N, C-alpha and C. Protein backbone atom coordinates (compact mmCIF):
# COMPACT_ATOMS: atom_id res chain seq x y z
N MET A 1 103.92 152.39 -6.26
CA MET A 1 102.78 152.76 -5.39
C MET A 1 102.96 154.18 -4.93
N GLY A 2 102.06 155.04 -5.24
CA GLY A 2 102.09 156.41 -4.78
C GLY A 2 101.02 156.68 -3.81
N MET A 3 101.16 157.91 -3.22
CA MET A 3 100.12 158.35 -2.22
C MET A 3 99.90 159.84 -2.31
N PRO A 4 99.21 160.28 -3.38
CA PRO A 4 98.99 161.73 -3.55
C PRO A 4 97.92 162.18 -2.57
N LYS A 5 97.90 163.47 -2.31
CA LYS A 5 96.92 164.11 -1.40
C LYS A 5 96.53 165.39 -2.11
N THR A 6 95.15 165.49 -2.34
CA THR A 6 94.62 166.73 -2.90
C THR A 6 93.30 167.03 -2.15
N GLU A 7 93.17 168.27 -1.75
CA GLU A 7 91.85 168.74 -1.14
C GLU A 7 91.42 167.73 -0.08
N ASN A 8 92.31 167.41 0.84
CA ASN A 8 91.98 166.52 1.98
C ASN A 8 91.54 165.09 1.45
N VAL A 9 91.87 164.78 0.30
CA VAL A 9 91.61 163.38 -0.14
C VAL A 9 92.92 162.65 -0.35
N GLU A 10 93.12 161.73 0.50
CA GLU A 10 94.44 160.90 0.40
C GLU A 10 94.10 159.51 -0.06
N PHE A 11 94.81 159.01 -1.05
CA PHE A 11 94.66 157.69 -1.47
C PHE A 11 95.98 157.08 -1.99
N LYS A 12 95.99 155.69 -1.94
CA LYS A 12 97.16 155.05 -2.52
C LYS A 12 96.80 154.67 -3.95
N TYR A 13 97.77 154.64 -4.78
CA TYR A 13 97.57 154.16 -6.12
C TYR A 13 98.72 153.25 -6.58
N GLN A 14 98.42 152.40 -7.47
CA GLN A 14 99.48 151.65 -8.08
C GLN A 14 99.13 151.45 -9.57
N ILE A 15 100.19 151.27 -10.31
CA ILE A 15 100.11 150.95 -11.76
C ILE A 15 100.42 149.58 -12.01
N VAL A 16 99.49 148.78 -12.63
CA VAL A 16 99.70 147.34 -12.82
C VAL A 16 99.60 147.05 -14.34
N LYS A 17 100.56 146.29 -14.78
CA LYS A 17 100.49 145.84 -16.23
C LYS A 17 99.80 144.49 -16.26
N HIS A 18 98.90 144.36 -17.28
CA HIS A 18 98.08 143.12 -17.29
C HIS A 18 98.06 142.64 -18.78
N ARG A 19 98.20 141.37 -18.93
CA ARG A 19 98.35 140.82 -20.33
C ARG A 19 96.98 140.85 -20.96
N ARG A 20 95.85 140.76 -20.36
CA ARG A 20 94.60 140.81 -20.95
C ARG A 20 93.98 142.22 -21.18
N ALA A 21 94.63 143.16 -20.60
CA ALA A 21 94.13 144.53 -20.71
C ALA A 21 94.27 145.03 -22.16
N LYS A 22 93.25 145.69 -22.64
CA LYS A 22 93.21 146.20 -24.04
C LYS A 22 93.41 147.76 -24.05
N ARG A 23 93.13 148.30 -22.91
CA ARG A 23 93.28 149.73 -22.77
C ARG A 23 93.65 150.07 -21.34
N VAL A 24 94.00 151.38 -21.12
CA VAL A 24 94.28 151.87 -19.76
C VAL A 24 93.03 152.10 -19.05
N ARG A 25 92.93 151.74 -17.80
CA ARG A 25 91.66 151.90 -17.05
C ARG A 25 92.00 152.14 -15.55
N ILE A 26 91.19 152.90 -14.94
CA ILE A 26 91.33 153.23 -13.52
C ILE A 26 90.25 152.50 -12.72
N THR A 27 90.59 151.96 -11.61
CA THR A 27 89.58 151.32 -10.67
C THR A 27 89.86 151.93 -9.34
N VAL A 28 88.79 152.36 -8.72
CA VAL A 28 88.81 152.93 -7.38
C VAL A 28 88.15 151.97 -6.43
N LYS A 29 88.91 151.34 -5.54
CA LYS A 29 88.37 150.33 -4.66
C LYS A 29 87.89 150.92 -3.37
N SER A 30 87.15 150.10 -2.64
CA SER A 30 86.62 150.57 -1.33
C SER A 30 87.84 150.84 -0.51
N GLY A 31 87.73 151.92 0.33
CA GLY A 31 88.94 152.36 1.07
C GLY A 31 89.64 153.43 0.39
N GLY A 32 89.34 153.59 -1.00
CA GLY A 32 89.99 154.68 -1.73
C GLY A 32 91.17 154.31 -2.48
N GLU A 33 91.63 153.06 -2.50
CA GLU A 33 92.85 152.62 -3.28
C GLU A 33 92.51 152.72 -4.72
N VAL A 34 93.46 153.18 -5.43
CA VAL A 34 93.36 153.39 -6.90
C VAL A 34 94.30 152.51 -7.68
N VAL A 35 93.77 151.78 -8.64
CA VAL A 35 94.58 150.88 -9.37
C VAL A 35 94.49 151.28 -10.84
N VAL A 36 95.58 151.62 -11.53
CA VAL A 36 95.65 151.92 -12.93
C VAL A 36 96.18 150.75 -13.65
N THR A 37 95.33 150.16 -14.44
CA THR A 37 95.73 148.96 -15.22
C THR A 37 96.14 149.36 -16.66
N VAL A 38 97.29 148.86 -17.03
CA VAL A 38 97.69 149.17 -18.42
C VAL A 38 98.00 147.91 -19.14
N PRO A 39 97.83 147.90 -20.48
CA PRO A 39 98.18 146.60 -21.21
C PRO A 39 99.62 146.41 -21.06
N TRP A 40 100.00 145.04 -21.08
CA TRP A 40 101.43 144.69 -20.85
C TRP A 40 102.38 145.30 -21.76
N TRP A 41 102.03 145.76 -22.98
CA TRP A 41 102.96 146.32 -23.92
C TRP A 41 103.06 147.93 -23.70
N THR A 42 102.20 148.41 -22.91
CA THR A 42 102.14 149.91 -22.65
C THR A 42 103.11 150.28 -21.54
N PRO A 43 103.91 151.36 -21.73
CA PRO A 43 104.71 151.85 -20.63
C PRO A 43 103.96 152.30 -19.48
N LYS A 44 104.39 152.13 -18.25
CA LYS A 44 103.70 152.54 -17.03
C LYS A 44 103.51 154.14 -17.09
N LEU A 45 104.36 154.80 -17.75
CA LEU A 45 104.30 156.22 -17.90
C LEU A 45 102.88 156.64 -18.49
N ALA A 46 102.40 155.85 -19.41
CA ALA A 46 101.01 156.16 -19.98
C ALA A 46 99.98 156.06 -18.93
N GLY A 47 100.16 155.12 -17.90
CA GLY A 47 99.24 154.99 -16.79
C GLY A 47 99.29 156.20 -15.93
N GLU A 48 100.50 156.71 -15.70
CA GLU A 48 100.69 157.97 -14.91
C GLU A 48 99.95 159.09 -15.58
N ARG A 49 100.15 159.20 -16.95
CA ARG A 49 99.51 160.33 -17.71
C ARG A 49 97.94 160.24 -17.70
N PHE A 50 97.44 158.95 -17.83
CA PHE A 50 96.01 158.76 -17.73
C PHE A 50 95.48 159.14 -16.38
N LEU A 51 96.22 158.80 -15.37
CA LEU A 51 95.78 159.23 -14.01
C LEU A 51 95.67 160.69 -13.87
N LYS A 52 96.69 161.45 -14.37
CA LYS A 52 96.73 162.94 -14.29
C LYS A 52 95.56 163.45 -15.16
N GLN A 53 95.27 162.88 -16.27
CA GLN A 53 94.21 163.39 -17.14
C GLN A 53 92.79 163.28 -16.43
N ASN A 54 92.69 162.28 -15.61
CA ASN A 54 91.41 161.96 -14.96
C ASN A 54 91.45 162.24 -13.49
N TRP A 55 92.49 163.22 -13.09
CA TRP A 55 92.61 163.47 -11.65
C TRP A 55 91.43 163.90 -10.95
N GLU A 56 90.62 164.80 -11.55
CA GLU A 56 89.39 165.31 -10.93
C GLU A 56 88.43 164.19 -10.57
N TRP A 57 88.15 163.32 -11.52
CA TRP A 57 87.24 162.17 -11.30
C TRP A 57 87.85 161.27 -10.26
N VAL A 58 89.17 160.97 -10.36
CA VAL A 58 89.72 160.03 -9.41
C VAL A 58 89.64 160.60 -7.88
N THR A 59 89.98 161.86 -7.70
CA THR A 59 89.86 162.39 -6.41
C THR A 59 88.50 162.39 -5.78
N LYS A 60 87.54 162.63 -6.64
CA LYS A 60 86.16 162.68 -6.21
C LYS A 60 85.63 161.25 -5.87
N LYS A 61 86.01 160.27 -6.80
CA LYS A 61 85.72 158.91 -6.53
C LYS A 61 86.47 158.34 -5.26
N ALA A 62 87.68 158.65 -5.06
CA ALA A 62 88.50 158.18 -3.98
C ALA A 62 87.89 158.80 -2.64
N ALA A 63 87.43 160.04 -2.65
CA ALA A 63 86.82 160.60 -1.48
C ALA A 63 85.55 159.85 -1.13
N GLN A 64 84.72 159.46 -2.11
CA GLN A 64 83.52 158.69 -1.86
C GLN A 64 83.89 157.34 -1.35
N MET A 65 84.80 156.68 -1.93
CA MET A 65 85.19 155.33 -1.53
C MET A 65 86.00 155.28 -0.22
N ASN A 66 86.62 156.43 0.15
CA ASN A 66 87.32 156.44 1.39
C ASN A 66 86.31 156.33 2.57
N LYS A 67 85.08 156.77 2.35
CA LYS A 67 84.03 156.72 3.31
C LYS A 67 83.60 155.34 3.62
N ILE A 68 83.79 154.43 2.60
CA ILE A 68 83.43 153.00 2.73
C ILE A 68 84.54 152.22 3.39
N ASN A 69 84.29 151.52 4.47
CA ASN A 69 85.33 150.70 5.04
C ASN A 69 85.64 149.55 4.08
N PRO A 70 86.96 149.30 3.85
CA PRO A 70 87.23 148.16 2.93
C PRO A 70 86.76 146.88 3.60
N THR A 71 86.24 146.02 2.77
CA THR A 71 85.73 144.68 3.31
C THR A 71 86.81 143.91 3.72
N LYS A 72 86.70 143.18 4.87
CA LYS A 72 87.73 142.34 5.28
C LYS A 72 87.79 141.09 4.47
N THR A 73 89.04 140.71 4.24
CA THR A 73 89.19 139.52 3.35
C THR A 73 88.71 138.38 4.21
N VAL A 74 87.85 137.54 3.60
CA VAL A 74 87.35 136.36 4.28
C VAL A 74 88.22 135.19 3.73
N ARG A 75 88.77 134.47 4.61
CA ARG A 75 89.55 133.30 4.33
C ARG A 75 88.68 132.07 4.64
N HIS A 76 88.45 131.28 3.70
CA HIS A 76 87.72 129.97 3.88
C HIS A 76 88.69 128.86 4.10
N THR A 77 88.30 127.89 4.83
CA THR A 77 89.11 126.70 5.05
C THR A 77 88.86 125.83 3.81
N LYS A 78 89.69 124.79 3.62
CA LYS A 78 89.64 123.92 2.52
C LYS A 78 88.26 123.19 2.61
N LYS A 79 87.75 122.84 3.79
CA LYS A 79 86.54 122.14 3.98
C LYS A 79 85.42 123.08 3.55
N GLN A 80 85.45 124.42 4.01
CA GLN A 80 84.38 125.28 3.60
C GLN A 80 84.32 125.55 2.07
N ILE A 81 85.47 125.60 1.50
CA ILE A 81 85.59 125.81 0.07
C ILE A 81 84.97 124.66 -0.77
N ALA A 82 85.26 123.40 -0.26
CA ALA A 82 84.65 122.22 -0.80
C ALA A 82 83.13 122.27 -0.73
N ILE A 83 82.63 122.65 0.41
CA ILE A 83 81.16 122.68 0.63
C ILE A 83 80.62 123.78 -0.36
N PHE A 84 81.22 125.03 -0.29
CA PHE A 84 80.81 126.06 -1.14
C PHE A 84 80.78 125.71 -2.65
N ARG A 85 81.79 124.98 -3.03
CA ARG A 85 81.92 124.57 -4.49
C ARG A 85 80.68 123.63 -4.80
N LEU A 86 80.35 122.76 -3.95
CA LEU A 86 79.20 121.83 -4.21
C LEU A 86 77.93 122.74 -4.30
N GLN A 87 77.74 123.64 -3.44
CA GLN A 87 76.59 124.53 -3.42
C GLN A 87 76.52 125.42 -4.72
N ALA A 88 77.78 125.86 -4.99
CA ALA A 88 77.88 126.78 -6.23
C ALA A 88 77.56 125.94 -7.47
N ARG A 89 78.12 124.72 -7.57
CA ARG A 89 77.77 123.91 -8.76
C ARG A 89 76.22 123.67 -8.90
N ASN A 90 75.52 123.42 -7.74
CA ASN A 90 74.12 123.21 -7.80
C ASN A 90 73.41 124.53 -8.23
N ILE A 91 73.79 125.67 -7.70
CA ILE A 91 73.23 126.99 -8.11
C ILE A 91 73.38 127.23 -9.61
N VAL A 92 74.69 127.04 -10.05
CA VAL A 92 75.03 127.26 -11.49
C VAL A 92 74.28 126.30 -12.40
N GLU A 93 74.28 125.04 -12.07
CA GLU A 93 73.55 124.08 -12.97
C GLU A 93 72.09 124.40 -13.10
N GLN A 94 71.44 124.70 -11.92
CA GLN A 94 69.97 125.12 -11.95
C GLN A 94 69.78 126.30 -12.80
N ARG A 95 70.50 127.26 -12.55
CA ARG A 95 70.27 128.60 -13.27
C ARG A 95 70.67 128.46 -14.74
N LEU A 96 71.70 127.72 -15.06
CA LEU A 96 72.02 127.50 -16.46
C LEU A 96 70.91 126.77 -17.16
N GLU A 97 70.36 125.76 -16.54
CA GLU A 97 69.27 125.02 -17.14
C GLU A 97 68.01 125.96 -17.36
N PHE A 98 67.76 126.77 -16.30
CA PHE A 98 66.62 127.74 -16.44
C PHE A 98 66.84 128.65 -17.63
N PHE A 99 67.91 129.36 -17.60
CA PHE A 99 68.17 130.47 -18.65
C PHE A 99 68.48 129.85 -20.02
N ASN A 100 69.00 128.64 -20.07
CA ASN A 100 69.34 128.14 -21.39
C ASN A 100 68.08 127.53 -22.03
N ARG A 101 66.95 127.47 -21.36
CA ARG A 101 65.68 127.13 -22.10
C ARG A 101 65.37 128.21 -23.09
N TYR A 102 65.78 129.45 -22.72
CA TYR A 102 65.56 130.60 -23.69
C TYR A 102 66.61 130.57 -24.75
N TYR A 103 67.93 130.56 -24.36
CA TYR A 103 69.08 130.69 -25.33
C TYR A 103 69.36 129.40 -26.06
N ASN A 104 69.20 128.33 -25.51
CA ASN A 104 69.46 127.00 -26.18
C ASN A 104 70.89 126.99 -26.75
N PHE A 105 71.91 127.36 -25.95
CA PHE A 105 73.29 127.29 -26.36
C PHE A 105 73.94 125.91 -25.88
N ASP A 106 74.77 125.45 -26.73
CA ASP A 106 75.57 124.16 -26.33
C ASP A 106 76.89 124.63 -25.60
N PHE A 107 77.12 123.89 -24.51
CA PHE A 107 78.43 124.20 -23.82
C PHE A 107 79.00 122.80 -23.37
N ASN A 108 80.27 122.81 -23.14
CA ASN A 108 80.89 121.58 -22.71
C ASN A 108 80.77 121.31 -21.15
N LYS A 109 81.75 121.82 -20.45
CA LYS A 109 81.74 121.56 -19.03
C LYS A 109 81.62 122.79 -18.24
N ILE A 110 81.23 122.56 -16.97
CA ILE A 110 81.06 123.65 -15.99
C ILE A 110 82.14 123.36 -14.97
N THR A 111 82.90 124.41 -14.61
CA THR A 111 83.93 124.33 -13.61
C THR A 111 83.66 125.38 -12.57
N ILE A 112 83.84 124.96 -11.33
CA ILE A 112 83.66 125.89 -10.22
C ILE A 112 85.10 126.13 -9.62
N ARG A 113 85.57 127.31 -9.56
CA ARG A 113 86.93 127.60 -9.18
C ARG A 113 87.11 128.52 -7.98
N ASN A 114 88.28 128.52 -7.45
CA ASN A 114 88.58 129.53 -6.43
C ASN A 114 89.52 130.51 -7.06
N GLN A 115 88.91 131.61 -7.55
CA GLN A 115 89.71 132.65 -8.21
C GLN A 115 89.65 133.93 -7.33
N LYS A 116 90.77 134.68 -7.40
CA LYS A 116 90.84 135.88 -6.73
C LYS A 116 90.35 137.07 -7.40
N THR A 117 90.28 137.06 -8.81
CA THR A 117 89.97 138.27 -9.55
C THR A 117 88.77 138.09 -10.49
N ARG A 118 88.22 136.91 -10.63
CA ARG A 118 87.11 136.75 -11.62
C ARG A 118 85.94 136.03 -11.01
N TRP A 119 84.77 136.59 -11.32
CA TRP A 119 83.53 135.85 -10.98
C TRP A 119 83.26 134.69 -11.93
N GLY A 120 83.64 134.88 -13.14
CA GLY A 120 83.34 133.78 -14.14
C GLY A 120 84.12 134.00 -15.43
N SER A 121 84.07 132.98 -16.30
CA SER A 121 84.64 133.12 -17.61
C SER A 121 84.04 132.08 -18.54
N CYS A 122 84.26 132.29 -19.83
CA CYS A 122 83.77 131.35 -20.81
C CYS A 122 84.94 131.11 -21.82
N SER A 123 85.38 129.88 -21.94
CA SER A 123 86.57 129.57 -22.75
C SER A 123 86.13 129.42 -24.24
N SER A 124 87.13 129.44 -25.12
CA SER A 124 86.88 129.18 -26.60
C SER A 124 86.46 127.77 -26.77
N ASP A 125 86.77 126.94 -25.86
CA ASP A 125 86.35 125.50 -25.95
C ASP A 125 84.90 125.32 -25.42
N ARG A 126 84.19 126.40 -25.09
CA ARG A 126 82.85 126.41 -24.68
C ARG A 126 82.66 125.82 -23.36
N ASN A 127 83.64 126.03 -22.51
CA ASN A 127 83.59 125.64 -21.08
C ASN A 127 83.20 126.87 -20.26
N LEU A 128 82.27 126.68 -19.27
CA LEU A 128 81.93 127.76 -18.45
C LEU A 128 82.54 127.61 -17.08
N ASN A 129 83.14 128.69 -16.57
CA ASN A 129 83.80 128.67 -15.32
C ASN A 129 83.23 129.69 -14.39
N PHE A 130 82.98 129.34 -13.12
CA PHE A 130 82.42 130.24 -12.17
C PHE A 130 83.22 130.19 -10.83
N ASN A 131 83.21 131.31 -10.18
CA ASN A 131 83.90 131.37 -8.89
C ASN A 131 83.03 130.77 -7.85
N TYR A 132 83.57 129.97 -6.89
CA TYR A 132 82.69 129.37 -5.86
C TYR A 132 81.92 130.44 -5.04
N ARG A 133 82.52 131.59 -5.02
CA ARG A 133 81.91 132.64 -4.14
C ARG A 133 80.51 133.17 -4.74
N ILE A 134 80.08 132.55 -5.81
CA ILE A 134 78.73 132.87 -6.41
C ILE A 134 77.74 132.54 -5.33
N VAL A 135 78.06 131.58 -4.42
CA VAL A 135 77.08 131.29 -3.30
C VAL A 135 76.84 132.50 -2.37
N THR A 136 77.68 133.43 -2.38
CA THR A 136 77.60 134.58 -1.44
C THR A 136 76.80 135.73 -2.02
N LEU A 137 76.48 135.58 -3.29
CA LEU A 137 75.69 136.67 -4.00
C LEU A 137 74.24 136.56 -3.83
N PRO A 138 73.53 137.67 -3.85
CA PRO A 138 72.10 137.55 -3.93
C PRO A 138 71.65 136.94 -5.37
N GLN A 139 70.49 136.30 -5.37
CA GLN A 139 70.16 135.54 -6.53
C GLN A 139 70.12 136.42 -7.79
N ASN A 140 69.74 137.63 -7.71
CA ASN A 140 69.62 138.45 -9.03
C ASN A 140 71.08 138.66 -9.54
N LEU A 141 72.06 138.80 -8.66
CA LEU A 141 73.48 138.97 -9.18
C LEU A 141 74.01 137.59 -9.68
N ALA A 142 73.67 136.51 -8.99
CA ALA A 142 74.10 135.18 -9.47
C ALA A 142 73.46 134.88 -10.81
N ASP A 143 72.20 135.26 -11.02
CA ASP A 143 71.60 135.05 -12.29
C ASP A 143 72.25 135.87 -13.42
N TYR A 144 72.53 137.17 -13.10
CA TYR A 144 73.24 138.07 -14.01
C TYR A 144 74.60 137.36 -14.44
N LEU A 145 75.31 136.92 -13.42
CA LEU A 145 76.59 136.27 -13.73
C LEU A 145 76.49 134.98 -14.62
N VAL A 146 75.50 134.18 -14.29
CA VAL A 146 75.27 133.01 -15.11
C VAL A 146 74.92 133.37 -16.57
N VAL A 147 73.98 134.32 -16.76
CA VAL A 147 73.57 134.76 -18.10
C VAL A 147 74.79 135.40 -18.81
N HIS A 148 75.53 136.19 -18.13
CA HIS A 148 76.66 136.81 -18.74
C HIS A 148 77.64 135.80 -19.36
N GLU A 149 77.92 134.79 -18.60
CA GLU A 149 78.86 133.77 -19.16
C GLU A 149 78.16 132.94 -20.23
N LEU A 150 76.93 132.73 -20.05
CA LEU A 150 76.15 131.86 -21.02
C LEU A 150 76.15 132.67 -22.39
N CYS A 151 76.02 133.93 -22.36
CA CYS A 151 75.86 134.73 -23.58
C CYS A 151 77.28 134.82 -24.34
N HIS A 152 78.38 134.58 -23.56
CA HIS A 152 79.64 134.54 -24.22
C HIS A 152 79.81 133.32 -25.07
N LEU A 153 78.92 132.34 -24.94
CA LEU A 153 78.92 131.18 -25.90
C LEU A 153 78.68 131.68 -27.27
N LYS A 154 77.81 132.68 -27.44
CA LYS A 154 77.45 133.25 -28.75
C LYS A 154 78.32 134.40 -29.18
N GLU A 155 78.62 135.21 -28.17
CA GLU A 155 79.43 136.45 -28.48
C GLU A 155 80.62 136.50 -27.52
N MET A 156 81.82 136.16 -27.99
CA MET A 156 82.98 136.11 -27.09
C MET A 156 83.57 137.48 -26.96
N ASN A 157 82.82 138.46 -26.62
CA ASN A 157 83.29 139.84 -26.51
C ASN A 157 82.19 140.54 -25.67
N HIS A 158 82.39 141.91 -25.56
CA HIS A 158 81.36 142.69 -24.87
C HIS A 158 80.79 143.77 -25.86
N SER A 159 80.46 143.25 -26.98
CA SER A 159 79.95 144.16 -28.09
C SER A 159 78.41 144.45 -27.70
N SER A 160 77.85 145.33 -28.58
CA SER A 160 76.51 145.70 -28.36
C SER A 160 75.63 144.40 -28.59
N ARG A 161 76.00 143.60 -29.49
CA ARG A 161 75.28 142.34 -29.67
C ARG A 161 75.30 141.40 -28.44
N PHE A 162 76.46 141.39 -27.74
CA PHE A 162 76.52 140.65 -26.52
C PHE A 162 75.55 141.18 -25.48
N TRP A 163 75.56 142.48 -25.35
CA TRP A 163 74.63 143.07 -24.23
C TRP A 163 73.26 142.94 -24.64
N GLU A 164 72.89 142.96 -25.92
CA GLU A 164 71.48 142.79 -26.37
C GLU A 164 71.06 141.37 -25.92
N LEU A 165 72.00 140.37 -26.18
CA LEU A 165 71.64 139.01 -25.69
C LEU A 165 71.38 138.97 -24.17
N VAL A 166 72.29 139.50 -23.43
CA VAL A 166 72.12 139.52 -21.94
C VAL A 166 70.76 140.18 -21.59
N GLY A 167 70.46 141.32 -22.21
CA GLY A 167 69.32 142.08 -21.88
C GLY A 167 68.00 141.37 -22.14
N LYS A 168 68.04 140.36 -23.03
CA LYS A 168 66.83 139.58 -23.31
C LYS A 168 66.27 138.89 -22.09
N THR A 169 67.10 138.41 -21.30
CA THR A 169 66.62 137.76 -19.98
C THR A 169 66.90 138.52 -18.67
N ILE A 170 67.90 139.46 -18.76
CA ILE A 170 68.24 140.37 -17.63
C ILE A 170 68.18 141.77 -18.07
N PRO A 171 66.92 142.31 -18.12
CA PRO A 171 66.77 143.72 -18.70
C PRO A 171 67.52 144.72 -17.85
N ASP A 172 67.67 144.55 -16.52
CA ASP A 172 68.39 145.50 -15.76
C ASP A 172 69.87 145.21 -15.50
N TYR A 173 70.50 144.57 -16.55
CA TYR A 173 71.84 144.14 -16.39
C TYR A 173 72.87 145.27 -16.08
N LYS A 174 72.55 146.52 -16.51
CA LYS A 174 73.54 147.58 -16.27
C LYS A 174 73.68 147.85 -14.79
N LYS A 175 72.49 147.87 -14.17
CA LYS A 175 72.45 148.10 -12.64
C LYS A 175 73.11 146.96 -11.96
N LEU A 176 72.75 145.73 -12.38
CA LEU A 176 73.44 144.46 -11.72
C LEU A 176 74.93 144.46 -11.91
N ARG A 177 75.35 144.83 -13.15
CA ARG A 177 76.82 144.86 -13.38
C ARG A 177 77.55 145.75 -12.47
N LYS A 178 76.92 146.94 -12.20
CA LYS A 178 77.53 147.89 -11.19
C LYS A 178 77.53 147.23 -9.78
N GLN A 179 76.47 146.58 -9.44
CA GLN A 179 76.36 145.99 -8.06
C GLN A 179 77.41 144.83 -7.93
N LEU A 180 77.55 144.06 -8.98
CA LEU A 180 78.57 142.98 -8.97
C LEU A 180 79.91 143.52 -8.71
N ARG A 181 80.24 144.59 -9.42
CA ARG A 181 81.55 145.16 -9.31
C ARG A 181 81.84 145.60 -7.82
N ALA A 182 80.80 145.93 -7.08
CA ALA A 182 80.97 146.38 -5.68
C ALA A 182 81.31 145.24 -4.74
N HIS A 183 81.05 143.99 -5.25
CA HIS A 183 81.40 142.84 -4.43
C HIS A 183 82.83 142.52 -4.67
N ASP A 184 83.66 142.75 -3.65
CA ASP A 184 85.09 142.52 -3.73
C ASP A 184 85.43 141.03 -3.64
N LEU A 185 86.28 140.53 -4.45
CA LEU A 185 86.63 139.11 -4.45
C LEU A 185 87.85 138.89 -3.47
N ARG A 186 88.52 139.92 -3.09
CA ARG A 186 89.76 139.73 -2.28
C ARG A 186 89.41 139.16 -0.97
């Protein structure tokens, strides 16, 4: 964890190895915290180099994000989570039914989970998983999330074919994708 200061911009950064990462990437969170994610097989030194190469962009982004107060972590009780899970299941099932009239994809089961880092996922077994916090999202973001995971049933990647599929029912998916990233799961 470092704490560089440049041009009156101070931010914390950390380099994290991740098994699913395919390339080095930089994330600037609200409050200005910077996370450099590197694939598990990559030395952390590569993350340091990448951070230095993108220093101008990072400092600019950190300055912008420093102005945003970090959202407080909301801790839900087990009872609240149980209620939210039921509500989330209802939302997800309704929206899947609605959007799948267009796509007509087969899937196995729907699971509502309490995850800290993911809004949703699609397994190779054709299971759709969603975070219970989908109930906190505006409907347009929840719809984007449902369609995103639904389209992974056809394209298990983020190729141009995948985004074409998403765009058929969510034409403003690029804007919504950015908005969803702003919703912190922590």
